[in-house]
Amino acid sequence: MTRMKTAAALLLLLAVAPSLLAAEEIGKTFETNGVTIWYEVRGAGTATPLIIVNGGPGFDHGYTHLGDPAWDTMARTRRVIWYDQRGTGRSSELKPGQSCNLADQISDLDALRSELKLDKFILLGHSWGGYLVMAYTARHPERVEKLLIVDSAAPKIGDTKFMFNDFFPDTIEKQDAFTFGDEMGDKNATSEGMKLYLSMLFYSPEKRDAAMPRLVVSDYRKSVNQSIWGDLQRFDLNPELAKFRMPVLVATGRYDINVAPSVAWKIHKAIPGSRFVIFEKSGHIPYYEEPEAFAKMLASFL
């Protein structure tokens, strides 16, 4: 990746995110604002549905299925919904000149809510998805019953703290060797840089080694990333967080190198009455590294 040191390349926050090697799940699509959005639903029940918003931007939702043990627990009593953001995964590719900014992402998420005929729902955003759910809630607070913000980017995107250089200088040096090739469009260089990046997301070497064979380089949509990244520079969500009145939980892995835990702490302090949870044996993906503890937290909060 472009050194993975620059904010644009690192964004957010699985900015070189994986996609799971799994059988195609049966999903549905709908049309909104000139794009096709693909989504999947798991589970049933009368409890308020939960929509999971993945990181990126520019990648599909596939990597979040690393947390399926936790999500399956939730699906016993409610619908759990995933979707591919515009221009990614099984949603339609962007047409030349087609808009893809924060307002579009908020609109698409609300269109999904409408497609599912939900008056209210629960939002869980991971990584860049954490930023998106905060932005959505700022625009539509009456539609969000509860909010979970997991290892999220900072409300002012430039305040996001990456710690790769401090904790993995040896890995970063190896990754630097693939930067030029990646910029030149060398897919092998991109793949090798991606593997090195992924290796830095975990607390447990055993969890890391178990996850890596299940992950492949997804079809990264650089144009999506660049469009959204550029647009985010205009915004500061910090003043909006103080207005949140629904129950909010902010969570982070103690050893998240991709987004420093101090970012989550500041989000928690900015939201009145929010809960704060640290997963002591997790990096950037606590719902994978500590699925039982994560599921217990979800059950308690929801």
C-alpha atoms as a PDB file:
ATOM      1  CA  MET A   1       0.000   0.000   0.000  1.00  0.00           C
ATOM      2  CA  THR A   2       1.120   3.529  -0.445  1.00  0.00           C
ATOM      3  CA  ARG A   3       3.387   3.051   2.529  1.00  0.00           C
ATOM      4  CA  MET A   4       0.318   2.592   4.672  1.00  0.00           C
ATOM      5  CA  LYS A   5       1.636   5.565   6.587  1.00  0.00           C
ATOM      6  CA  THR A   6      -0.321   8.192   4.789  1.00  0.00           C
ATOM      7  CA  ALA A   7      -3.811   8.866   6.000  1.00  0.00           C
ATOM      8  CA  ALA A   8      -5.265   8.450   2.538  1.00  0.00           C
ATOM      9  CA  ALA A   9      -3.836   4.963   2.165  1.00  0.00           C
ATOM     10  CA  LEU A  10      -4.573   3.975   5.721  1.00  0.00           C
ATOM     11  CA  LEU A  11      -8.123   5.268   5.677  1.00  0.00           C
ATOM     12  CA  LEU A  12      -9.997   3.834   7.659  1.00  0.00           C
ATOM     13  CA  LEU A  13      -9.508   1.679   8.809  1.00  0.00           C
ATOM     14  CA  LEU A  14      -9.575  -1.324   7.207  1.00  0.00           C
ATOM     15  CA  ALA A  15      -8.218   0.714   4.412  1.00  0.00           C
ATOM     16  CA  VAL A  16      -6.827  -2.352   2.889  1.00  0.00           C
ATOM     17  CA  ALA A  17      -9.662  -4.513   4.039  1.00  0.00           C
ATOM     18  CA  PRO A  18     -10.164  -8.188   3.316  1.00  0.00           C
ATOM     19  CA  SER A  19     -13.073 -10.112   1.912  1.00  0.00           C
ATOM     20  CA  LEU A  20     -13.925 -13.538   3.288  1.00  0.00           C
ATOM     21  CA  LEU A  21     -13.493 -16.651   1.193  1.00  0.00           C
ATOM     22  CA  ALA A  22     -16.980 -18.065   1.614  1.00  0.00           C
ATOM     23  CA  ALA A  23     -19.848 -19.377  -0.414  1.00  0.00           C
ATOM     24  CA  GLU A  24     -21.993 -16.674  -1.963  1.00  0.00           C
ATOM     25  CA  GLU A  25     -24.700 -15.760   0.484  1.00  0.00           C
ATOM     26  CA  ILE A  26     -28.174 -15.176  -0.806  1.00  0.00           C
ATOM     27  CA  GLY A  27     -28.805 -11.462  -0.781  1.00  0.00           C
ATOM     28  CA  LYS A  28     -31.147  -8.901  -2.230  1.00  0.00           C
ATOM     29  CA  THR A  29     -30.727  -5.622  -4.057  1.00  0.00           C
ATOM     30  CA  PHE A  30     -32.591  -2.352  -4.358  1.00  0.00           C
ATOM     31  CA  GLU A  31     -32.159   0.825  -6.375  1.00  0.00           C
ATOM     32  CA  THR A  32     -31.514   4.232  -4.843  1.00  0.00           C
ATOM     33  CA  ASN A  33     -30.111   7.474  -6.213  1.00  0.00           C
ATOM     34  CA  GLY A  34     -28.787   5.855  -9.377  1.00  0.00           C
ATOM     35  CA  VAL A  35     -26.995   2.932  -7.711  1.00  0.00           C
ATOM     36  CA  THR A  36     -27.818  -0.655  -6.840  1.00  0.00           C
ATOM     37  CA  ILE A  37     -27.230  -1.620  -3.211  1.00  0.00           C
ATOM     38  CA  TRP A  38     -26.763  -5.267  -2.235  1.00  0.00           C
ATOM     39  CA  TYR A  39     -27.649  -6.454   1.277  1.00  0.00           C
ATOM     40  CA  GLU A  40     -28.092  -9.641   3.256  1.00  0.00           C
ATOM     41  CA  VAL A  41     -30.270 -10.471   6.249  1.00  0.00           C
ATOM     42  CA  ARG A  42     -29.643 -13.166   8.835  1.00  0.00           C
ATOM     43  CA  GLY A  43     -31.965 -14.277  11.625  1.00  0.00           C
ATOM     44  CA  ALA A  44     -35.443 -13.310  12.693  1.00  0.00           C
ATOM     45  CA  GLY A  45     -37.344 -12.316  15.799  1.00  0.00           C
ATOM     46  CA  THR A  46     -39.142  -9.321  17.169  1.00  0.00           C
ATOM     47  CA  ALA A  47     -36.182  -7.479  18.702  1.00  0.00           C
ATOM     48  CA  THR A  48     -35.059  -4.295  16.957  1.00  0.00           C
ATOM     49  CA  PRO A  49     -32.977  -5.120  13.847  1.00  0.00           C
ATOM     50  CA  LEU A  50     -29.232  -4.491  13.862  1.00  0.00           C
ATOM     51  CA  ILE A  51     -27.444  -3.063  10.819  1.00  0.00           C
ATOM     52  CA  ILE A  52     -23.669  -3.558  10.683  1.00  0.00           C
ATOM     53  CA  VAL A  53     -21.725  -0.903   8.787  1.00  0.00           C
ATOM     54  CA  ASN A  54     -18.264  -2.002   7.661  1.00  0.00           C
ATOM     55  CA  GLY A  55     -14.993  -0.145   7.401  1.00  0.00           C
ATOM     56  CA  GLY A  56     -13.078   1.005   4.364  1.00  0.00           C
ATOM     57  CA  PRO A  57     -14.151   3.014   2.535  1.00  0.00           C
ATOM     58  CA  GLY A  58     -13.772   1.256  -0.769  1.00  0.00           C
ATOM     59  CA  PHE A  59     -14.244  -2.317   0.434  1.00  0.00           C
ATOM     60  CA  ASP A  60     -17.213  -4.616   0.884  1.00  0.00           C
ATOM     61  CA  HIS A  61     -18.599  -5.946   4.144  1.00  0.00           C
ATOM     62  CA  GLY A  62     -17.018  -9.396   3.843  1.00  0.00           C
ATOM     63  CA  TYR A  63     -14.372  -9.072   6.548  1.00  0.00           C
ATOM     64  CA  THR A  64     -17.019  -8.424   9.226  1.00  0.00           C
ATOM     65  CA  HIS A  65     -18.045 -12.081   8.927  1.00  0.00           C
ATOM     66  CA  LEU A  66     -14.959 -12.895  10.949  1.00  0.00           C
ATOM     67  CA  GLY A  67     -17.317 -12.032  13.796  1.00  0.00           C
ATOM     68  CA  ASP A  68     -20.047 -14.487  12.815  1.00  0.00           C
ATOM     69  CA  PRO A  69     -20.103 -16.268  16.208  1.00  0.00           C
ATOM     70  CA  ALA A  70     -21.085 -12.977  17.829  1.00  0.00           C
ATOM     71  CA  TRP A  71     -23.494 -11.986  15.066  1.00  0.00           C
ATOM     72  CA  ASP A  72     -25.165 -15.413  15.112  1.00  0.00           C
ATOM     73  CA  THR A  73     -25.919 -14.933  18.785  1.00  0.00           C
ATOM     74  CA  MET A  74     -27.680 -11.678  17.958  1.00  0.00           C
ATOM     75  CA  ALA A  75     -29.552 -13.296  15.063  1.00  0.00           C
ATOM     76  CA  ARG A  76     -31.403 -15.597  17.444  1.00  0.00           C
ATOM     77  CA  THR A  77     -33.683 -12.755  18.495  1.00  0.00           C
ATOM     78  CA  ARG A  78     -33.453 -10.162  15.725  1.00  0.00           C
ATOM     79  CA  ARG A  79     -32.567  -9.585  12.113  1.00  0.00           C
ATOM     80  CA  VAL A  80     -28.885  -8.762  11.523  1.00  0.00           C
ATOM     81  CA  ILE A  81     -28.241  -6.898   8.280  1.00  0.00           C
ATOM     82  CA  TRP A  82     -25.112  -6.216   6.242  1.00  0.00           C
ATOM     83  CA  TYR A  83     -24.777  -4.264   3.010  1.00  0.00           C
ATOM     84  CA  ASP A  84     -22.107  -3.341   0.490  1.00  0.00           C
ATOM     85  CA  GLN A  85     -21.630   0.403   0.295  1.00  0.00           C
ATOM     86  CA  ARG A  86     -22.072   2.103  -3.068  1.00  0.00           C
ATOM     87  CA  GLY A  87     -19.421   1.237  -5.595  1.00  0.00           C
ATOM     88  CA  THR A  88     -18.163  -1.792  -3.638  1.00  0.00           C
ATOM     89  CA  GLY A  89     -18.657  -5.547  -3.488  1.00  0.00           C
ATOM     90  CA  ARG A  90     -21.906  -6.757  -4.986  1.00  0.00           C
ATOM     91  CA  SER A  91     -23.398  -3.272  -5.114  1.00  0.00           C
ATOM     92  CA  SER A  92     -23.091  -1.585  -8.496  1.00  0.00           C
ATOM     93  CA  GLU A  93     -19.857   0.018  -9.597  1.00  0.00           C
ATOM     94  CA  LEU A  94     -19.789   3.787  -9.793  1.00  0.00           C
ATOM     95  CA  LYS A  95     -20.353   5.271 -13.191  1.00  0.00           C
ATOM     96  CA  PRO A  96     -17.879   7.871 -14.472  1.00  0.00           C
ATOM     97  CA  GLY A  97     -18.513  11.109 -12.633  1.00  0.00           C
ATOM     98  CA  GLN A  98     -21.061   9.576 -10.272  1.00  0.00           C
ATOM     99  CA  SER A  99     -21.163  11.114  -6.811  1.00  0.00           C
ATOM    100  CA  CYS A 100     -19.767   9.208  -3.838  1.00  0.00           C
ATOM    101  CA  ASN A 101     -19.443  11.355  -0.747  1.00  0.00           C
ATOM    102  CA  LEU A 102     -20.545  11.342   2.886  1.00  0.00           C
ATOM    103  CA  ALA A 103     -24.012  12.652   2.046  1.00  0.00           C
ATOM    104  CA  ASP A 104     -24.454   9.812  -0.459  1.00  0.00           C
ATOM    105  CA  GLN A 105     -23.395   7.246   2.116  1.00  0.00           C
ATOM    106  CA  ILE A 106     -25.864   8.615   4.662  1.00  0.00           C
ATOM    107  CA  SER A 107     -28.609   8.630   2.032  1.00  0.00           C
ATOM    108  CA  ASP A 108     -27.851   5.042   0.993  1.00  0.00           C
ATOM    109  CA  LEU A 109     -27.986   3.837   4.593  1.00  0.00           C
ATOM    110  CA  ASP A 110     -31.330   5.544   5.096  1.00  0.00           C
ATOM    111  CA  ALA A 111     -32.579   4.032   1.848  1.00  0.00           C
ATOM    112  CA  LEU A 112     -31.665   0.605   3.239  1.00  0.00           C
ATOM    113  CA  ARG A 113     -33.697   1.404   6.348  1.00  0.00           C
ATOM    114  CA  SER A 114     -36.621   2.320   4.126  1.00  0.00           C
ATOM    115  CA  GLU A 115     -36.188  -0.815   1.992  1.00  0.00           C
ATOM    116  CA  LEU A 116     -36.408  -2.902   5.175  1.00  0.00           C
ATOM    117  CA  LYS A 117     -39.442  -0.890   6.338  1.00  0.00           C
ATOM    118  CA  LEU A 118     -37.852   0.032   9.654  1.00  0.00           C
ATOM    119  CA  ASP A 119     -39.062   2.957  11.703  1.00  0.00           C
ATOM    120  CA  LYS A 120     -36.141   2.501  14.076  1.00  0.00           C
ATOM    121  CA  PHE A 121     -33.073   0.315  14.095  1.00  0.00           C
ATOM    122  CA  ILE A 122     -29.788  -0.286  15.892  1.00  0.00           C
ATOM    123  CA  LEU A 123     -26.555   0.731  14.194  1.00  0.00           C
ATOM    124  CA  LEU A 124     -23.130  -0.807  14.705  1.00  0.00           C
ATOM    125  CA  GLY A 125     -20.287   0.855  12.834  1.00  0.00           C
ATOM    126  CA  HIS A 126     -16.754  -0.525  12.689  1.00  0.00           C
ATOM    127  CA  SER A 127     -13.704   1.507  11.672  1.00  0.00           C
ATOM    128  CA  TRP A 128     -14.703   3.951   8.871  1.00  0.00           C
ATOM    129  CA  GLY A 129     -18.185   2.552   9.474  1.00  0.00           C
ATOM    130  CA  GLY A 130     -18.013   4.051  12.971  1.00  0.00           C
ATOM    131  CA  TYR A 131     -17.601   7.481  11.431  1.00  0.00           C
ATOM    132  CA  LEU A 132     -20.484   6.827   9.052  1.00  0.00           C
ATOM    133  CA  VAL A 133     -22.904   5.756  11.788  1.00  0.00           C
ATOM    134  CA  MET A 134     -22.020   8.843  13.833  1.00  0.00           C
ATOM    135  CA  ALA A 135     -22.707  11.017  10.787  1.00  0.00           C
ATOM    136  CA  TYR A 136     -25.963   9.184  10.059  1.00  0.00           C
ATOM    137  CA  THR A 137     -27.107   9.586  13.659  1.00  0.00           C
ATOM    138  CA  ALA A 138     -26.325  13.289  13.566  1.00  0.00           C
ATOM    139  CA  ARG A 139     -28.685  13.643  10.589  1.00  0.00           C
ATOM    140  CA  HIS A 140     -31.387  11.168  11.673  1.00  0.00           C
ATOM    141  CA  PRO A 141     -31.272  10.771  15.472  1.00  0.00           C
ATOM    142  CA  GLU A 142     -34.972   9.879  15.673  1.00  0.00           C
ATOM    143  CA  ARG A 143     -34.361   6.710  13.624  1.00  0.00           C
ATOM    144  CA  VAL A 144     -31.547   5.256  15.729  1.00  0.00           C
ATOM    145  CA  GLU A 145     -32.721   3.328  18.780  1.00  0.00           C
ATOM    146  CA  LYS A 146     -29.211   2.448  19.954  1.00  0.00           C
ATOM    147  CA  LEU A 147     -25.734   3.098  18.587  1.00  0.00           C
ATOM    148  CA  LEU A 148     -22.540   1.045  18.793  1.00  0.00           C
ATOM    149  CA  ILE A 149     -19.254   2.624  17.697  1.00  0.00           C
ATOM    150  CA  VAL A 150     -16.442   0.067  17.411  1.00  0.00           C
ATOM    151  CA  ASP A 151     -12.767   0.940  16.816  1.00  0.00           C
ATOM    152  CA  SER A 152     -13.946   3.998  14.939  1.00  0.00           C
ATOM    153  CA  ALA A 153     -12.215   6.760  13.092  1.00  0.00           C
ATOM    154  CA  ALA A 154     -12.147  10.119  14.882  1.00  0.00           C
ATOM    155  CA  PRO A 155     -15.127  12.485  14.527  1.00  0.00           C
ATOM    156  CA  LYS A 156     -12.719  14.891  12.830  1.00  0.00           C
ATOM    157  CA  ILE A 157     -11.027  12.563  10.410  1.00  0.00           C
ATOM    158  CA  GLY A 158      -7.596  14.155  10.663  1.00  0.00           C
ATOM    159  CA  ASP A 159      -7.533  13.429  14.409  1.00  0.00           C
ATOM    160  CA  THR A 160      -7.459   9.676  13.823  1.00  0.00           C
ATOM    161  CA  LYS A 161      -4.285   8.215  15.332  1.00  0.00           C
ATOM    162  CA  PHE A 162      -2.463   5.436  13.498  1.00  0.00           C
ATOM    163  CA  MET A 163       0.270   3.633  15.432  1.00  0.00           C
ATOM    164  CA  PHE A 164       1.832   1.293  12.884  1.00  0.00           C
ATOM    165  CA  ASN A 165       5.156   3.102  12.794  1.00  0.00           C
ATOM    166  CA  ASP A 166       5.480   3.011  16.584  1.00  0.00           C
ATOM    167  CA  PHE A 167       4.642  -0.659  17.077  1.00  0.00           C
ATOM    168  CA  PHE A 168       5.633  -2.332  13.803  1.00  0.00           C
ATOM    169  CA  PRO A 169       8.619  -0.430  12.349  1.00  0.00           C
ATOM    170  CA  ASP A 170      10.051  -3.677  10.986  1.00  0.00           C
ATOM    171  CA  THR A 171       6.820  -4.577   9.192  1.00  0.00           C
ATOM    172  CA  ILE A 172       6.428  -1.048   7.833  1.00  0.00           C
ATOM    173  CA  GLU A 173       9.955  -1.209   6.422  1.00  0.00           C
ATOM    174  CA  LYS A 174       9.076  -4.454   4.631  1.00  0.00           C
ATOM    175  CA  GLN A 175       5.887  -2.890   3.367  1.00  0.00           C
ATOM    176  CA  ASP A 176       7.765   0.117   2.011  1.00  0.00           C
ATOM    177  CA  ALA A 177       9.447  -2.190  -0.492  1.00  0.00           C
ATOM    178  CA  PHE A 178       6.086  -2.704  -2.216  1.00  0.00           C
ATOM    179  CA  THR A 179       4.988   0.942  -2.263  1.00  0.00           C
ATOM    180  CA  PHE A 180       6.317   1.851  -5.706  1.00  0.00           C
ATOM    181  CA  GLY A 181       4.961  -1.291  -7.320  1.00  0.00           C
ATOM    182  CA  ASP A 182       1.589  -0.716  -5.725  1.00  0.00           C
ATOM    183  CA  GLU A 183       1.465   2.851  -7.041  1.00  0.00           C
ATOM    184  CA  MET A 184       2.348   1.541 -10.486  1.00  0.00           C
ATOM    185  CA  GLY A 185      -0.576  -0.873 -10.433  1.00  0.00           C
ATOM    186  CA  ASP A 186       1.418  -4.039  -9.750  1.00  0.00           C
ATOM    187  CA  LYS A 187      -1.200  -6.406  -8.295  1.00  0.00           C
ATOM    188  CA  ASN A 188       1.413  -8.660  -6.717  1.00  0.00           C
ATOM    189  CA  ALA A 189       2.956  -5.704  -4.895  1.00  0.00           C
ATOM    190  CA  THR A 190      -0.480  -4.650  -3.699  1.00  0.00           C
ATOM    191  CA  SER A 191      -1.201  -8.184  -2.487  1.00  0.00           C
ATOM    192  CA  GLU A 192       2.067  -8.510  -0.592  1.00  0.00           C
ATOM    193  CA  GLY A 193       1.636  -5.092   1.015  1.00  0.00           C
ATOM    194  CA  MET A 194      -1.903  -6.050   1.965  1.00  0.00           C
ATOM    195  CA  LYS A 195      -0.776  -9.205   3.747  1.00  0.00           C
ATOM    196  CA  LEU A 196       1.710  -7.223   5.800  1.00  0.00           C
ATOM    197  CA  TYR A 197      -0.957  -4.690   6.713  1.00  0.00           C
ATOM    198  CA  LEU A 198      -3.401  -7.393   7.801  1.00  0.00           C
ATOM    199  CA  SER A 199      -0.765  -8.985  10.009  1.00  0.00           C
ATOM    200  CA  MET A 200      -0.684  -5.826  12.144  1.00  0.00           C
ATOM    201  CA  LEU A 201      -4.395  -5.790  13.027  1.00  0.00           C
ATOM    202  CA  PHE A 202      -4.408  -8.559  15.625  1.00  0.00           C
ATOM    203  CA  TYR A 203      -3.472  -8.915  19.275  1.00  0.00           C
ATOM    204  CA  SER A 204      -3.207 -12.709  19.196  1.00  0.00           C
ATOM    205  CA  PRO A 205      -0.698 -14.379  16.868  1.00  0.00           C
ATOM    206  CA  GLU A 206      -2.909 -17.484  16.943  1.00  0.00           C
ATOM    207  CA  LYS A 207      -5.987 -15.494  15.930  1.00  0.00           C
ATOM    208  CA  ARG A 208      -3.950 -13.744  13.258  1.00  0.00           C
ATOM    209  CA  ASP A 209      -2.674 -16.999  11.806  1.00  0.00           C
ATOM    210  CA  ALA A 210      -6.158 -18.515  11.833  1.00  0.00           C
ATOM    211  CA  ALA A 211      -7.659 -15.499  10.070  1.00  0.00           C
ATOM    212  CA  MET A 212      -5.081 -14.941   7.370  1.00  0.00           C
ATOM    213  CA  PRO A 213      -5.876 -18.054   5.259  1.00  0.00           C
ATOM    214  CA  ARG A 214      -9.540 -17.042   5.321  1.00  0.00           C
ATOM    215  CA  LEU A 215      -8.821 -13.632   3.898  1.00  0.00           C
ATOM    216  CA  VAL A 216      -8.105 -12.591   0.346  1.00  0.00           C
ATOM    217  CA  VAL A 217      -7.381  -9.271  -1.222  1.00  0.00           C
ATOM    218  CA  SER A 218     -10.715  -7.848  -2.222  1.00  0.00           C
ATOM    219  CA  ASP A 219     -11.353  -5.765  -5.273  1.00  0.00           C
ATOM    220  CA  TYR A 220     -10.367  -2.483  -3.689  1.00  0.00           C
ATOM    221  CA  ARG A 221     -12.193   0.466  -5.223  1.00  0.00           C
ATOM    222  CA  LYS A 222      -9.622   3.203  -4.973  1.00  0.00           C
ATOM    223  CA  SER A 223     -11.932   5.771  -6.560  1.00  0.00           C
ATOM    224  CA  VAL A 224     -14.475   5.221  -3.763  1.00  0.00           C
ATOM    225  CA  ASN A 225     -11.822   5.642  -1.107  1.00  0.00           C
ATOM    226  CA  GLN A 226     -10.403   8.789  -2.636  1.00  0.00           C
ATOM    227  CA  SER A 227     -13.791  10.392  -3.203  1.00  0.00           C
ATOM    228  CA  ILE A 228     -14.992   9.851   0.356  1.00  0.00           C
ATOM    229  CA  TRP A 229     -11.620  10.621   1.946  1.00  0.00           C
ATOM    230  CA  GLY A 230     -11.490  13.949   0.158  1.00  0.00           C
ATOM    231  CA  ASP A 231     -15.026  14.811   1.202  1.00  0.00           C
ATOM    232  CA  LEU A 232     -14.478  13.953   4.878  1.00  0.00           C
ATOM    233  CA  GLN A 233     -11.916  16.720   5.245  1.00  0.00           C
ATOM    234  CA  ARG A 234     -14.794  19.228   5.378  1.00  0.00           C
ATOM    235  CA  PHE A 235     -16.463  17.846   8.470  1.00  0.00           C
ATOM    236  CA  ASP A 236     -16.121  17.907  12.228  1.00  0.00           C
ATOM    237  CA  LEU A 237     -18.667  15.715  13.999  1.00  0.00           C
ATOM    238  CA  ASN A 238     -17.485  16.609  17.495  1.00  0.00           C
ATOM    239  CA  PRO A 239     -20.203  19.235  18.123  1.00  0.00           C
ATOM    240  CA  GLU A 240     -22.841  16.736  16.969  1.00  0.00           C
ATOM    241  CA  LEU A 241     -21.867  14.026  19.448  1.00  0.00           C
ATOM    242  CA  ALA A 242     -22.997  16.075  22.430  1.00  0.00           C
ATOM    243  CA  LYS A 243     -26.527  16.050  20.976  1.00  0.00           C
ATOM    244  CA  PHE A 244     -26.900  12.253  21.006  1.00  0.00           C
ATOM    245  CA  ARG A 245     -29.603  11.155  23.443  1.00  0.00           C
ATOM    246  CA  MET A 246     -30.049   7.484  22.530  1.00  0.00           C
ATOM    247  CA  PRO A 247     -28.049   4.789  24.368  1.00  0.00           C
ATOM    248  CA  VAL A 248     -24.519   4.677  22.915  1.00  0.00           C
ATOM    249  CA  LEU A 249     -21.719   2.184  23.456  1.00  0.00           C
ATOM    250  CA  VAL A 250     -18.149   2.920  22.369  1.00  0.00           C
ATOM    251  CA  ALA A 251     -15.780  -0.054  22.148  1.00  0.00           C
ATOM    252  CA  THR A 252     -12.154  -0.588  21.217  1.00  0.00           C
ATOM    253  CA  GLY A 253      -9.469  -3.235  21.298  1.00  0.00           C
ATOM    254  CA  ARG A 254      -6.796  -2.392  23.851  1.00  0.00           C
ATOM    255  CA  TYR A 255      -4.133  -3.097  21.230  1.00  0.00           C
ATOM    256  CA  ASP A 256      -5.744  -1.503  18.198  1.00  0.00           C
ATOM    257  CA  ILE A 257      -2.783  -0.216  16.215  1.00  0.00           C
ATOM    258  CA  ASN A 258      -5.018   0.828  13.318  1.00  0.00           C
ATOM    259  CA  VAL A 259      -6.895   3.374  15.457  1.00  0.00           C
ATOM    260  CA  ALA A 260      -5.422   4.240  18.849  1.00  0.00           C
ATOM    261  CA  PRO A 261      -7.791   3.505  21.779  1.00  0.00           C
ATOM    262  CA  SER A 262      -7.464   7.147  22.801  1.00  0.00           C
ATOM    263  CA  VAL A 263      -9.715   7.969  19.815  1.00  0.00           C
ATOM    264  CA  ALA A 264     -12.496   5.780  21.221  1.00  0.00           C
ATOM    265  CA  TRP A 265     -12.030   7.288  24.684  1.00  0.00           C
ATOM    266  CA  LYS A 266     -12.501  10.805  23.331  1.00  0.00           C
ATOM    267  CA  ILE A 267     -15.639   9.756  21.443  1.00  0.00           C
ATOM    268  CA  HIS A 268     -17.005   8.241  24.655  1.00  0.00           C
ATOM    269  CA  LYS A 269     -16.266  11.411  26.639  1.00  0.00           C
ATOM    270  CA  ALA A 270     -17.997  13.541  23.999  1.00  0.00           C
ATOM    271  CA  ILE A 271     -21.293  11.580  24.118  1.00  0.00           C
ATOM    272  CA  PRO A 272     -23.332  12.144  27.285  1.00  0.00           C
ATOM    273  CA  GLY A 273     -24.110   8.942  29.164  1.00  0.00           C
ATOM    274  CA  SER A 274     -22.296   6.643  26.743  1.00  0.00           C
ATOM    275  CA  ARG A 275     -20.779   3.350  27.836  1.00  0.00           C
ATOM    276  CA  PHE A 276     -17.120   2.556  27.182  1.00  0.00           C
ATOM    277  CA  VAL A 277     -15.727  -0.954  26.764  1.00  0.00           C
ATOM    278  CA  ILE A 278     -12.154  -2.067  26.156  1.00  0.00           C
ATOM    279  CA  PHE A 279     -11.424  -5.577  24.944  1.00  0.00           C
ATOM    280  CA  GLU A 280      -8.176  -6.441  26.638  1.00  0.00           C
ATOM    281  CA  LYS A 281      -7.051  -9.146  24.208  1.00  0.00           C
ATOM    282  CA  SER A 282      -7.973  -7.544  20.895  1.00  0.00           C
ATOM    283  CA  GLY A 283      -6.525  -5.408  18.177  1.00  0.00           C
ATOM    284  CA  HIS A 284      -8.693  -3.709  15.542  1.00  0.00           C
ATOM    285  CA  ILE A 285     -11.309  -6.483  15.277  1.00  0.00           C
ATOM    286  CA  PRO A 286     -12.542  -7.364  18.793  1.00  0.00           C
ATOM    287  CA  TYR A 287     -15.673  -9.132  17.544  1.00  0.00           C
ATOM    288  CA  TYR A 288     -13.321 -11.689  15.977  1.00  0.00           C
ATOM    289  CA  GLU A 289     -10.604 -11.903  18.616  1.00  0.00           C
ATOM    290  CA  GLU A 290     -12.985 -12.022  21.601  1.00  0.00           C
ATOM    291  CA  PRO A 291     -16.304 -13.214  20.145  1.00  0.00           C
ATOM    292  CA  GLU A 292     -17.774 -14.539  23.386  1.00  0.00           C
ATOM    293  CA  ALA A 293     -16.990 -11.360  25.317  1.00  0.00           C
ATOM    294  CA  PHE A 294     -18.216  -9.263  22.406  1.00  0.00           C
ATOM    295  CA  ALA A 295     -21.484 -11.215  22.176  1.00  0.00           C
ATOM    296  CA  LYS A 296     -21.970 -10.851  25.937  1.00  0.00           C
ATOM    297  CA  MET A 297     -21.427  -7.103  25.627  1.00  0.00           C
ATOM    298  CA  LEU A 298     -23.951  -6.911  22.764  1.00  0.00           C
ATOM    299  CA  ALA A 299     -26.532  -8.910  24.682  1.00  0.00           C
ATOM    300  CA  SER A 300     -26.130  -6.689  27.725  1.00  0.00           C
ATOM    301  CA  PHE A 301     -26.370  -3.459  25.746  1.00  0.00           C
ATOM    302  CA  LEU A 302     -29.132  -4.490  23.376  1.00  0.00           C
END
